[in-house]
Amino acid sequence: MACAAAAPDGPVGLLAYRLDGDTVEIVVLHAAVRHRGVGTALLDALAATFPGREIWLVTTNDNLDALRFYQRRGFRIRSVAPGAADDARRTLKPSIPTHGAHGIAVRDEIELVLER
């Protein structure tokens, strides 16, 4: 499922999520223009749509921008899976890059959960 943010001149953001029982997993959060409040507005809309449900996501260790964004909005690190990105690259998705943002090796997965 997804929700979108739009401005008079067209779409400005998208949040895709997956419902699983009492939890909501954020699969994709994209803002066409950063630092304008679009991502925050989409997160707020998701939380308002599913009050009382746990909201969580997984990102990789190189995604410093996402880690900063989510933690500033109340998400906490719930778990770290060392080597999970390496394993996924070998067994499921060879297209996962070996290096990502800022030249950091993509190795681990980090699960974040929204604290309420």
PDB file of N, CA and C in Angstrom:
ATOM      1  N   MET A   1       0.846  -1.168   0.000  1.00  0.00           N
ATOM      2  CA  MET A   1       0.000   0.000   0.000  1.00  0.00           C
ATOM      3  C   MET A   1       0.892   1.233   0.000  1.00  0.00           C
ATOM      4  N   ALA A   2       0.315   2.355  -0.373  1.00  0.00           N
ATOM      5  CA  ALA A   2       1.122   3.571  -0.452  1.00  0.00           C
ATOM      6  C   ALA A   2       0.268   4.786  -0.162  1.00  0.00           C
ATOM      7  N   CYS A   3       0.943   5.840   0.242  1.00  0.00           N
ATOM      8  CA  CYS A   3       0.309   7.153   0.327  1.00  0.00           C
ATOM      9  C   CYS A   3       1.267   8.129  -0.346  1.00  0.00           C
ATOM     10  N   ALA A   4       0.692   9.178  -0.900  1.00  0.00           N
ATOM     11  CA  ALA A   4       1.497  10.134  -1.653  1.00  0.00           C
ATOM     12  C   ALA A   4       1.235  11.541  -1.147  1.00  0.00           C
ATOM     13  N   ALA A   5       2.210  12.404  -1.369  1.00  0.00           N
ATOM     14  CA  ALA A   5       2.073  13.829  -1.073  1.00  0.00           C
ATOM     15  C   ALA A   5       2.123  14.566  -2.398  1.00  0.00           C
ATOM     16  N   ALA A   6       1.242  15.554  -2.538  1.00  0.00           N
ATOM     17  CA  ALA A   6       1.187  16.301  -3.799  1.00  0.00           C
ATOM     18  C   ALA A   6       1.144  17.798  -3.520  1.00  0.00           C
ATOM     19  N   ALA A   7       1.658  18.537  -4.464  1.00  0.00           N
ATOM     20  CA  ALA A   7       1.603  19.993  -4.467  1.00  0.00           C
ATOM     21  C   ALA A   7       0.834  20.395  -5.719  1.00  0.00           C
ATOM     22  N   PRO A   8       0.486  21.659  -5.868  1.00  0.00           N
ATOM     23  CA  PRO A   8      -0.264  22.075  -7.060  1.00  0.00           C
ATOM     24  C   PRO A   8       0.392  21.680  -8.382  1.00  0.00           C
ATOM     25  N   ASP A   9       1.719  21.594  -8.397  1.00  0.00           N
ATOM     26  CA  ASP A   9       2.398  21.249  -9.646  1.00  0.00           C
ATOM     27  C   ASP A   9       2.709  19.762  -9.786  1.00  0.00           C
ATOM     28  N   GLY A  10       2.198  18.926  -8.888  1.00  0.00           N
ATOM     29  CA  GLY A  10       2.370  17.486  -9.043  1.00  0.00           C
ATOM     30  C   GLY A  10       2.833  16.789  -7.773  1.00  0.00           C
ATOM     31  N   PRO A  11       3.136  15.487  -7.883  1.00  0.00           N
ATOM     32  CA  PRO A  11       3.544  14.705  -6.715  1.00  0.00           C
ATOM     33  C   PRO A  11       4.889  15.170  -6.157  1.00  0.00           C
ATOM     34  N   VAL A  12       5.010  15.140  -4.832  1.00  0.00           N
ATOM     35  CA  VAL A  12       6.263  15.543  -4.188  1.00  0.00           C
ATOM     36  C   VAL A  12       6.824  14.470  -3.265  1.00  0.00           C
ATOM     37  N   GLY A  13       6.060  13.402  -3.044  1.00  0.00           N
ATOM     38  CA  GLY A  13       6.577  12.357  -2.171  1.00  0.00           C
ATOM     39  C   GLY A  13       5.726  11.101  -2.199  1.00  0.00           C
ATOM     40  N   LEU A  14       6.341  10.004  -1.744  1.00  0.00           N
ATOM     41  CA  LEU A  14       5.671   8.711  -1.721  1.00  0.00           C
ATOM     42  C   LEU A  14       6.151   7.918  -0.524  1.00  0.00           C
ATOM     43  N   LEU A  15       5.221   7.287   0.172  1.00  0.00           N
ATOM     44  CA  LEU A  15       5.554   6.361   1.240  1.00  0.00           C
ATOM     45  C   LEU A  15       4.818   5.062   0.940  1.00  0.00           C
ATOM     46  N   ALA A  16       5.569   3.978   0.766  1.00  0.00           N
ATOM     47  CA  ALA A  16       4.987   2.665   0.548  1.00  0.00           C
ATOM     48  C   ALA A  16       5.177   1.866   1.823  1.00  0.00           C
ATOM     49  N   TYR A  17       4.139   1.107   2.208  1.00  0.00           N
ATOM     50  CA  TYR A  17       4.196   0.353   3.449  1.00  0.00           C
ATOM     51  C   TYR A  17       3.515  -0.996   3.282  1.00  0.00           C
ATOM     52  N   ARG A  18       3.784  -1.868   4.246  1.00  0.00           N
ATOM     53  CA  ARG A  18       3.205  -3.209   4.247  1.00  0.00           C
ATOM     54  C   ARG A  18       2.585  -3.453   5.614  1.00  0.00           C
ATOM     55  N   LEU A  19       1.309  -3.856   5.618  1.00  0.00           N
ATOM     56  CA  LEU A  19       0.635  -4.205   6.860  1.00  0.00           C
ATOM     57  C   LEU A  19       0.874  -5.671   7.171  1.00  0.00           C
ATOM     58  N   ASP A  20       1.175  -5.954   8.422  1.00  0.00           N
ATOM     59  CA  ASP A  20       1.368  -7.333   8.861  1.00  0.00           C
ATOM     60  C   ASP A  20       0.831  -7.437  10.284  1.00  0.00           C
ATOM     61  N   GLY A  21      -0.425  -7.832  10.412  1.00  0.00           N
ATOM     62  CA  GLY A  21      -1.041  -7.895  11.731  1.00  0.00           C
ATOM     63  C   GLY A  21      -1.126  -6.511  12.345  1.00  0.00           C
ATOM     64  N   ASP A  22      -0.524  -6.364  13.511  1.00  0.00           N
ATOM     65  CA  ASP A  22      -0.548  -5.079  14.222  1.00  0.00           C
ATOM     66  C   ASP A  22       0.664  -4.218  13.920  1.00  0.00           C
ATOM     67  N   THR A  23       1.431  -4.558  12.903  1.00  0.00           N
ATOM     68  CA  THR A  23       2.610  -3.769  12.572  1.00  0.00           C
ATOM     69  C   THR A  23       2.499  -3.200  11.161  1.00  0.00           C
ATOM     70  N   VAL A  24       3.215  -2.099  10.963  1.00  0.00           N
ATOM     71  CA  VAL A  24       3.285  -1.442   9.664  1.00  0.00           C
ATOM     72  C   VAL A  24       4.763  -1.299   9.327  1.00  0.00           C
ATOM     73  N   GLU A  25       5.170  -1.917   8.230  1.00  0.00           N
ATOM     74  CA  GLU A  25       6.560  -1.818   7.782  1.00  0.00           C
ATOM     75  C   GLU A  25       6.668  -0.763   6.686  1.00  0.00           C
ATOM     76  N   ILE A  26       7.532   0.218   6.890  1.00  0.00           N
ATOM     77  CA  ILE A  26       7.819   1.194   5.845  1.00  0.00           C
ATOM     78  C   ILE A  26       8.769   0.534   4.855  1.00  0.00           C
ATOM     79  N   VAL A  27       8.348   0.469   3.605  1.00  0.00           N
ATOM     80  CA  VAL A  27       9.138  -0.174   2.561  1.00  0.00           C
ATOM     81  C   VAL A  27       9.924   0.863   1.768  1.00  0.00           C
ATOM     82  N   VAL A  28       9.286   2.002   1.469  1.00  0.00           N
ATOM     83  CA  VAL A  28       9.920   3.089   0.715  1.00  0.00           C
ATOM     84  C   VAL A  28       9.399   4.412   1.254  1.00  0.00           C
ATOM     85  N   LEU A  29      10.302   5.346   1.435  1.00  0.00           N
ATOM     86  CA  LEU A  29       9.917   6.732   1.724  1.00  0.00           C
ATOM     87  C   LEU A  29      10.778   7.605   0.823  1.00  0.00           C
ATOM     88  N   HIS A  30      10.110   8.375  -0.052  1.00  0.00           N
ATOM     89  CA  HIS A  30      10.844   9.203  -1.010  1.00  0.00           C
ATOM     90  C   HIS A  30      10.219  10.589  -1.062  1.00  0.00           C
ATOM     91  N   ALA A  31      11.051  11.600  -0.955  1.00  0.00           N
ATOM     92  CA  ALA A  31      10.623  12.989  -1.147  1.00  0.00           C
ATOM     93  C   ALA A  31      11.351  13.519  -2.374  1.00  0.00           C
ATOM     94  N   ALA A  32      10.599  14.099  -3.299  1.00  0.00           N
ATOM     95  CA  ALA A  32      11.202  14.614  -4.528  1.00  0.00           C
ATOM     96  C   ALA A  32      12.205  15.720  -4.224  1.00  0.00           C
ATOM     97  N   VAL A  33      11.881  16.563  -3.250  1.00  0.00           N
ATOM     98  CA  VAL A  33      12.783  17.621  -2.804  1.00  0.00           C
ATOM     99  C   VAL A  33      12.977  17.447  -1.304  1.00  0.00           C
ATOM    100  N   ARG A  34      14.220  17.345  -0.890  1.00  0.00           N
ATOM    101  CA  ARG A  34      14.516  17.103   0.515  1.00  0.00           C
ATOM    102  C   ARG A  34      14.454  18.397   1.329  1.00  0.00           C
ATOM    103  N   HIS A  35      14.299  18.206   2.633  1.00  0.00           N
ATOM    104  CA  HIS A  35      14.336  19.307   3.609  1.00  0.00           C
ATOM    105  C   HIS A  35      13.177  20.293   3.445  1.00  0.00           C
ATOM    106  N   ARG A  36      12.034  19.790   3.007  1.00  0.00           N
ATOM    107  CA  ARG A  36      10.842  20.630   2.865  1.00  0.00           C
ATOM    108  C   ARG A  36       9.688  20.117   3.724  1.00  0.00           C
ATOM    109  N   GLY A  37       9.902  19.047   4.507  1.00  0.00           N
ATOM    110  CA  GLY A  37       8.863  18.516   5.381  1.00  0.00           C
ATOM    111  C   GLY A  37       7.989  17.447   4.763  1.00  0.00           C
ATOM    112  N   VAL A  38       8.280  17.060   3.532  1.00  0.00           N
ATOM    113  CA  VAL A  38       7.448  16.073   2.845  1.00  0.00           C
ATOM    114  C   VAL A  38       7.536  14.711   3.543  1.00  0.00           C
ATOM    115  N   GLY A  39       8.743  14.247   3.813  1.00  0.00           N
ATOM    116  CA  GLY A  39       8.908  12.953   4.478  1.00  0.00           C
ATOM    117  C   GLY A  39       8.262  12.936   5.850  1.00  0.00           C
ATOM    118  N   THR A  40       8.438  14.010   6.591  1.00  0.00           N
ATOM    119  CA  THR A  40       7.829  14.107   7.922  1.00  0.00           C
ATOM    120  C   THR A  40       6.313  14.081   7.817  1.00  0.00           C
ATOM    121  N   ALA A  41       5.756  14.801   6.853  1.00  0.00           N
ATOM    122  CA  ALA A  41       4.300  14.820   6.661  1.00  0.00           C
ATOM    123  C   ALA A  41       3.780  13.427   6.316  1.00  0.00           C
ATOM    124  N   LEU A  42       4.501  12.706   5.473  1.00  0.00           N
ATOM    125  CA  LEU A  42       4.080  11.349   5.120  1.00  0.00           C
ATOM    126  C   LEU A  42       4.144  10.424   6.327  1.00  0.00           C
ATOM    127  N   LEU A  43       5.205  10.529   7.135  1.00  0.00           N
ATOM    128  CA  LEU A  43       5.297   9.716   8.356  1.00  0.00           C
ATOM    129  C   LEU A  43       4.159  10.043   9.316  1.00  0.00           C
ATOM    130  N   ASP A  44       3.875  11.333   9.487  1.00  0.00           N
ATOM    131  CA  ASP A  44       2.787  11.743  10.373  1.00  0.00           C
ATOM    132  C   ASP A  44       1.449  11.197   9.892  1.00  0.00           C
ATOM    133  N   ALA A  45       1.227  11.232   8.582  1.00  0.00           N
ATOM    134  CA  ALA A  45      -0.019  10.705   8.027  1.00  0.00           C
ATOM    135  C   ALA A  45      -0.119   9.203   8.253  1.00  0.00           C
ATOM    136  N   LEU A  46       0.981   8.497   8.102  1.00  0.00           N
ATOM    137  CA  LEU A  46       0.984   7.052   8.335  1.00  0.00           C
ATOM    138  C   LEU A  46       0.651   6.752   9.790  1.00  0.00           C
ATOM    139  N   ALA A  47       1.286   7.449  10.708  1.00  0.00           N
ATOM    140  CA  ALA A  47       1.034   7.233  12.138  1.00  0.00           C
ATOM    141  C   ALA A  47      -0.414   7.554  12.492  1.00  0.00           C
ATOM    142  N   ALA A  48      -0.972   8.597  11.894  1.00  0.00           N
ATOM    143  CA  ALA A  48      -2.365   8.960  12.157  1.00  0.00           C
ATOM    144  C   ALA A  48      -3.338   7.938  11.573  1.00  0.00           C
ATOM    145  N   THR A  49      -2.962   7.322  10.457  1.00  0.00           N
ATOM    146  CA  THR A  49      -3.805   6.320   9.813  1.00  0.00           C
ATOM    147  C   THR A  49      -3.834   5.020  10.598  1.00  0.00           C
ATOM    148  N   PHE A  50      -2.727   4.709  11.264  1.00  0.00           N
ATOM    149  CA  PHE A  50      -2.617   3.455  12.000  1.00  0.00           C
ATOM    150  C   PHE A  50      -2.239   3.698  13.456  1.00  0.00           C
ATOM    151  N   PRO A  51      -3.102   4.397  14.211  1.00  0.00           N
ATOM    152  CA  PRO A  51      -2.763   4.665  15.611  1.00  0.00           C
ATOM    153  C   PRO A  51      -2.667   3.361  16.401  1.00  0.00           C
ATOM    154  N   GLY A  52      -1.688   3.297  17.260  1.00  0.00           N
ATOM    155  CA  GLY A  52      -1.528   2.117  18.098  1.00  0.00           C
ATOM    156  C   GLY A  52      -0.773   0.972  17.445  1.00  0.00           C
ATOM    157  N   ARG A  53      -0.544   1.051  16.169  1.00  0.00           N
ATOM    158  CA  ARG A  53       0.233  -0.015  15.511  1.00  0.00           C
ATOM    159  C   ARG A  53       1.710   0.333  15.526  1.00  0.00           C
ATOM    160  N   GLU A  54       2.519  -0.691  15.655  1.00  0.00           N
ATOM    161  CA  GLU A  54       3.966  -0.499  15.597  1.00  0.00           C
ATOM    162  C   GLU A  54       4.368  -0.162  14.159  1.00  0.00           C
ATOM    163  N   ILE A  55       5.208   0.856  14.004  1.00  0.00           N
ATOM    164  CA  ILE A  55       5.736   1.243  12.691  1.00  0.00           C
ATOM    165  C   ILE A  55       7.237   1.008  12.717  1.00  0.00           C
ATOM    166  N   TRP A  56       7.731   0.277  11.725  1.00  0.00           N
ATOM    167  CA  TRP A  56       9.145  -0.091  11.714  1.00  0.00           C
ATOM    168  C   TRP A  56       9.664  -0.122  10.287  1.00  0.00           C
ATOM    169  N   LEU A  57      10.999  -0.220  10.161  1.00  0.00           N
ATOM    170  CA  LEU A  57      11.639  -0.303   8.847  1.00  0.00           C
ATOM    171  C   LEU A  57      13.032  -0.891   8.999  1.00  0.00           C
ATOM    172  N   VAL A  58      13.605  -1.252   7.875  1.00  0.00           N
ATOM    173  CA  VAL A  58      14.982  -1.752   7.822  1.00  0.00           C
ATOM    174  C   VAL A  58      15.747  -0.905   6.813  1.00  0.00           C
ATOM    175  N   THR A  59      16.953  -0.518   7.183  1.00  0.00           N
ATOM    176  CA  THR A  59      17.852   0.170   6.262  1.00  0.00           C
ATOM    177  C   THR A  59      19.232  -0.460   6.394  1.00  0.00           C
ATOM    178  N   THR A  60      20.147  -0.024   5.585  1.00  0.00           N
ATOM    179  CA  THR A  60      21.505  -0.569   5.652  1.00  0.00           C
ATOM    180  C   THR A  60      22.437   0.391   6.374  1.00  0.00           C
ATOM    181  N   ASN A  61      23.559  -0.147   6.793  1.00  0.00           N
ATOM    182  CA  ASN A  61      24.508   0.607   7.615  1.00  0.00           C
ATOM    183  C   ASN A  61      25.082   1.849   6.929  1.00  0.00           C
ATOM    184  N   ASP A  62      25.083   1.892   5.610  1.00  0.00           N
ATOM    185  CA  ASP A  62      25.648   3.039   4.896  1.00  0.00           C
ATOM    186  C   ASP A  62      24.682   4.210   4.777  1.00  0.00           C
ATOM    187  N   ASN A  63      23.416   3.995   5.083  1.00  0.00           N
ATOM    188  CA  ASN A  63      22.379   4.998   4.826  1.00  0.00           C
ATOM    189  C   ASN A  63      22.284   5.991   5.986  1.00  0.00           C
ATOM    190  N   LEU A  64      23.329   6.791   6.131  1.00  0.00           N
ATOM    191  CA  LEU A  64      23.421   7.740   7.236  1.00  0.00           C
ATOM    192  C   LEU A  64      22.313   8.782   7.188  1.00  0.00           C
ATOM    193  N   ASP A  65      21.918   9.209   5.996  1.00  0.00           N
ATOM    194  CA  ASP A  65      20.845  10.196   5.881  1.00  0.00           C
ATOM    195  C   ASP A  65      19.534   9.640   6.432  1.00  0.00           C
ATOM    196  N   ALA A  66      19.220   8.389   6.100  1.00  0.00           N
ATOM    197  CA  ALA A  66      17.995   7.774   6.613  1.00  0.00           C
ATOM    198  C   ALA A  66      18.080   7.567   8.125  1.00  0.00           C
ATOM    199  N   LEU A  67      19.217   7.114   8.605  1.00  0.00           N
ATOM    200  CA  LEU A  67      19.371   6.912  10.047  1.00  0.00           C
ATOM    201  C   LEU A  67      19.152   8.231  10.800  1.00  0.00           C
ATOM    202  N   ARG A  68      19.707   9.283  10.297  1.00  0.00           N
ATOM    203  CA  ARG A  68      19.528  10.600  10.921  1.00  0.00           C
ATOM    204  C   ARG A  68      18.063  11.033  10.840  1.00  0.00           C
ATOM    205  N   PHE A  69      17.463  10.923   9.672  1.00  0.00           N
ATOM    206  CA  PHE A  69      16.081  11.349   9.461  1.00  0.00           C
ATOM    207  C   PHE A  69      15.134  10.631  10.431  1.00  0.00           C
ATOM    208  N   TYR A  70      15.200   9.313  10.446  1.00  0.00           N
ATOM    209  CA  TYR A  70      14.249   8.559  11.269  1.00  0.00           C
ATOM    210  C   TYR A  70      14.485   8.764  12.761  1.00  0.00           C
ATOM    211  N   GLN A  71      15.732   8.797  13.192  1.00  0.00           N
ATOM    212  CA  GLN A  71      15.986   8.982  14.623  1.00  0.00           C
ATOM    213  C   GLN A  71      15.516  10.354  15.096  1.00  0.00           C
ATOM    214  N   ARG A  72      15.639  11.358  14.266  1.00  0.00           N
ATOM    215  CA  ARG A  72      15.166  12.695  14.644  1.00  0.00           C
ATOM    216  C   ARG A  72      13.648  12.746  14.755  1.00  0.00           C
ATOM    217  N   ARG A  73      12.969  11.752  14.215  1.00  0.00           N
ATOM    218  CA  ARG A  73      11.509  11.697  14.255  1.00  0.00           C
ATOM    219  C   ARG A  73      10.992  10.627  15.200  1.00  0.00           C
ATOM    220  N   GLY A  74      11.832  10.206  16.133  1.00  0.00           N
ATOM    221  CA  GLY A  74      11.375   9.313  17.196  1.00  0.00           C
ATOM    222  C   GLY A  74      11.626   7.838  16.994  1.00  0.00           C
ATOM    223  N   PHE A  75      12.285   7.454  15.920  1.00  0.00           N
ATOM    224  CA  PHE A  75      12.596   6.043  15.718  1.00  0.00           C
ATOM    225  C   PHE A  75      13.830   5.675  16.536  1.00  0.00           C
ATOM    226  N   ARG A  76      13.849   4.444  17.009  1.00  0.00           N
ATOM    227  CA  ARG A  76      15.001   3.924  17.750  1.00  0.00           C
ATOM    228  C   ARG A  76      15.522   2.682  17.045  1.00  0.00           C
ATOM    229  N   ILE A  77      16.803   2.419  17.210  1.00  0.00           N
ATOM    230  CA  ILE A  77      17.394   1.198  16.670  1.00  0.00           C
ATOM    231  C   ILE A  77      16.929   0.036  17.537  1.00  0.00           C
ATOM    232  N   ARG A  78      16.267  -0.933  16.906  1.00  0.00           N
ATOM    233  CA  ARG A  78      15.796  -2.104  17.631  1.00  0.00           C
ATOM    234  C   ARG A  78      16.788  -3.257  17.506  1.00  0.00           C
ATOM    235  N   SER A  79      17.377  -3.380  16.320  1.00  0.00           N
ATOM    236  CA  SER A  79      18.329  -4.475  16.149  1.00  0.00           C
ATOM    237  C   SER A  79      19.276  -4.172  15.004  1.00  0.00           C
ATOM    238  N   VAL A  80      20.405  -4.834  15.058  1.00  0.00           N
ATOM    239  CA  VAL A  80      21.395  -4.762  13.993  1.00  0.00           C
ATOM    240  C   VAL A  80      21.690  -6.198  13.582  1.00  0.00           C
ATOM    241  N   ALA A  81      21.648  -6.440  12.277  1.00  0.00           N
ATOM    242  CA  ALA A  81      21.936  -7.767  11.743  1.00  0.00           C
ATOM    243  C   ALA A  81      23.263  -7.698  10.991  1.00  0.00           C
ATOM    244  N   PRO A  82      24.372  -7.983  11.693  1.00  0.00           N
ATOM    245  CA  PRO A  82      25.679  -7.928  11.029  1.00  0.00           C
ATOM    246  C   PRO A  82      25.743  -8.908   9.859  1.00  0.00           C
ATOM    247  N   GLY A  83      26.206  -8.422   8.719  1.00  0.00           N
ATOM    248  CA  GLY A  83      26.393  -9.277   7.546  1.00  0.00           C
ATOM    249  C   GLY A  83      25.126  -9.578   6.764  1.00  0.00           C
ATOM    250  N   ALA A  84      23.970  -9.042   7.181  1.00  0.00           N
ATOM    251  CA  ALA A  84      22.713  -9.373   6.497  1.00  0.00           C
ATOM    252  C   ALA A  84      22.698  -8.887   5.047  1.00  0.00           C
ATOM    253  N   ALA A  85      23.251  -7.720   4.780  1.00  0.00           N
ATOM    254  CA  ALA A  85      23.296  -7.222   3.396  1.00  0.00           C
ATOM    255  C   ALA A  85      24.257  -8.070   2.561  1.00  0.00           C
ATOM    256  N   ASP A  86      25.373  -8.482   3.164  1.00  0.00           N
ATOM    257  CA  ASP A  86      26.301  -9.381   2.461  1.00  0.00           C
ATOM    258  C   ASP A  86      25.602 -10.685   2.094  1.00  0.00           C
ATOM    259  N   ASP A  87      24.858 -11.253   3.054  1.00  0.00           N
ATOM    260  CA  ASP A  87      24.138 -12.513   2.807  1.00  0.00           C
ATOM    261  C   ASP A  87      23.095 -12.348   1.718  1.00  0.00           C
ATOM    262  N   ALA A  88      22.334 -11.254   1.760  1.00  0.00           N
ATOM    263  CA  ALA A  88      21.307 -11.011   0.748  1.00  0.00           C
ATOM    264  C   ALA A  88      21.926 -10.834  -0.633  1.00  0.00           C
ATOM    265  N   ARG A  89      23.079 -10.195  -0.690  1.00  0.00           N
ATOM    266  CA  ARG A  89      23.773  -9.995  -1.967  1.00  0.00           C
ATOM    267  C   ARG A  89      24.182 -11.347  -2.558  1.00  0.00           C
ATOM    268  N   ARG A  90      24.651 -12.254  -1.695  1.00  0.00           N
ATOM    269  CA  ARG A  90      25.087 -13.581  -2.158  1.00  0.00           C
ATOM    270  C   ARG A  90      23.931 -14.494  -2.546  1.00  0.00           C
ATOM    271  N   THR A  91      22.807 -14.421  -1.811  1.00  0.00           N
ATOM    272  CA  THR A  91      21.767 -15.430  -1.985  1.00  0.00           C
ATOM    273  C   THR A  91      20.487 -14.948  -2.660  1.00  0.00           C
ATOM    274  N   LEU A  92      20.162 -13.654  -2.539  1.00  0.00           N
ATOM    275  CA  LEU A  92      18.872 -13.180  -3.037  1.00  0.00           C
ATOM    276  C   LEU A  92      18.958 -12.131  -4.133  1.00  0.00           C
ATOM    277  N   LYS A  93      19.846 -11.163  -3.927  1.00  0.00           N
ATOM    278  CA  LYS A  93      19.856 -10.003  -4.820  1.00  0.00           C
ATOM    279  C   LYS A  93      21.285  -9.557  -5.088  1.00  0.00           C
ATOM    280  N   PRO A  94      21.924 -10.144  -6.083  1.00  0.00           N
ATOM    281  CA  PRO A  94      23.312  -9.794  -6.396  1.00  0.00           C
ATOM    282  C   PRO A  94      23.512  -8.331  -6.763  1.00  0.00           C
ATOM    283  N   SER A  95      22.430  -7.616  -7.111  1.00  0.00           N
ATOM    284  CA  SER A  95      22.557  -6.218  -7.511  1.00  0.00           C
ATOM    285  C   SER A  95      22.742  -5.257  -6.334  1.00  0.00           C
ATOM    286  N   ILE A  96      22.650  -5.750  -5.101  1.00  0.00           N
ATOM    287  CA  ILE A  96      22.914  -4.874  -3.955  1.00  0.00           C
ATOM    288  C   ILE A  96      24.364  -4.412  -4.066  1.00  0.00           C
ATOM    289  N   PRO A  97      24.578  -3.099  -4.054  1.00  0.00           N
ATOM    290  CA  PRO A  97      25.955  -2.611  -4.224  1.00  0.00           C
ATOM    291  C   PRO A  97      26.842  -2.973  -3.042  1.00  0.00           C
ATOM    292  N   THR A  98      28.124  -3.082  -3.300  1.00  0.00           N
ATOM    293  CA  THR A  98      29.067  -3.370  -2.214  1.00  0.00           C
ATOM    294  C   THR A  98      29.395  -2.118  -1.411  1.00  0.00           C
ATOM    295  N   HIS A  99      29.235  -0.959  -2.030  1.00  0.00           N
ATOM    296  CA  HIS A  99      29.489   0.314  -1.348  1.00  0.00           C
ATOM    297  C   HIS A  99      28.345   1.267  -1.657  1.00  0.00           C
ATOM    298  N   GLY A 100      27.985   2.052  -0.653  1.00  0.00           N
ATOM    299  CA  GLY A 100      26.864   2.968  -0.807  1.00  0.00           C
ATOM    300  C   GLY A 100      27.259   4.392  -0.508  1.00  0.00           C
ATOM    301  N   ALA A 101      26.357   5.072   0.156  1.00  0.00           N
ATOM    302  CA  ALA A 101      26.542   6.483   0.467  1.00  0.00           C
ATOM    303  C   ALA A 101      27.858   6.724   1.191  1.00  0.00           C
ATOM    304  N   HIS A 102      28.535   7.776   0.791  1.00  0.00           N
ATOM    305  CA  HIS A 102      29.775   8.212   1.437  1.00  0.00           C
ATOM    306  C   HIS A 102      30.905   7.180   1.341  1.00  0.00           C
ATOM    307  N   GLY A 103      30.800   6.253   0.382  1.00  0.00           N
ATOM    308  CA  GLY A 103      31.844   5.242   0.200  1.00  0.00           C
ATOM    309  C   GLY A 103      31.866   4.174   1.274  1.00  0.00           C
ATOM    310  N   ILE A 104      30.796   4.059   2.053  1.00  0.00           N
ATOM    311  CA  ILE A 104      30.731   3.087   3.148  1.00  0.00           C
ATOM    312  C   ILE A 104      30.334   1.725   2.585  1.00  0.00           C
ATOM    313  N   ALA A 105      31.035   0.681   3.005  1.00  0.00           N
ATOM    314  CA  ALA A 105      30.705  -0.678   2.586  1.00  0.00           C
ATOM    315  C   ALA A 105      29.323  -1.053   3.112  1.00  0.00           C
ATOM    316  N   VAL A 106      28.486  -1.596   2.232  1.00  0.00           N
ATOM    317  CA  VAL A 106      27.138  -2.032   2.602  1.00  0.00           C
ATOM    318  C   VAL A 106      27.245  -3.467   3.109  1.00  0.00           C
ATOM    319  N   ARG A 107      27.071  -3.641   4.412  1.00  0.00           N
ATOM    320  CA  ARG A 107      27.241  -4.962   5.018  1.00  0.00           C
ATOM    321  C   ARG A 107      26.080  -5.388   5.892  1.00  0.00           C
ATOM    322  N   ASP A 108      25.566  -4.448   6.686  1.00  0.00           N
ATOM    323  CA  ASP A 108      24.633  -4.797   7.760  1.00  0.00           C
ATOM    324  C   ASP A 108      23.266  -4.182   7.526  1.00  0.00           C
ATOM    325  N   GLU A 109      22.261  -4.771   8.175  1.00  0.00           N
ATOM    326  CA  GLU A 109      20.916  -4.198   8.174  1.00  0.00           C
ATOM    327  C   GLU A 109      20.618  -3.691   9.574  1.00  0.00           C
ATOM    328  N   ILE A 110      19.933  -2.549   9.631  1.00  0.00           N
ATOM    329  CA  ILE A 110      19.551  -1.935  10.895  1.00  0.00           C
ATOM    330  C   ILE A 110      18.040  -1.780  10.896  1.00  0.00           C
ATOM    331  N   GLU A 111      17.421  -2.333  11.933  1.00  0.00           N
ATOM    332  CA  GLU A 111      15.973  -2.219  12.083  1.00  0.00           C
ATOM    333  C   GLU A 111      15.659  -1.086  13.048  1.00  0.00           C
ATOM    334  N   LEU A 112      14.760  -0.215  12.614  1.00  0.00           N
ATOM    335  CA  LEU A 112      14.331   0.919  13.428  1.00  0.00           C
ATOM    336  C   LEU A 112      12.839   0.782  13.727  1.00  0.00           C
ATOM    337  N   VAL A 113      12.432   1.227  14.899  1.00  0.00           N
ATOM    338  CA  VAL A 113      11.021   1.183  15.282  1.00  0.00           C
ATOM    339  C   VAL A 113      10.645   2.533  15.870  1.00  0.00           C
ATOM    340  N   LEU A 114       9.420   2.977  15.570  1.00  0.00           N
ATOM    341  CA  LEU A 114       8.946   4.258  16.078  1.00  0.00           C
ATOM    342  C   LEU A 114       8.525   4.097  17.523  1.00  0.00           C
ATOM    343  N   GLU A 115       9.093   4.936  18.369  1.00  0.00           N
ATOM    344  CA  GLU A 115       8.713   4.958  19.772  1.00  0.00           C
ATOM    345  C   GLU A 115       7.539   5.899  19.944  1.00  0.00           C
ATOM    346  N   ARG A 116       6.528   5.444  20.633  1.00  0.00           N
ATOM    347  CA  ARG A 116       5.359   6.318  20.878  1.00  0.00           C
ATOM    348  C   ARG A 116       5.112   6.420  22.353  1.00  0.00           C
TER     349      ARG A 116
END
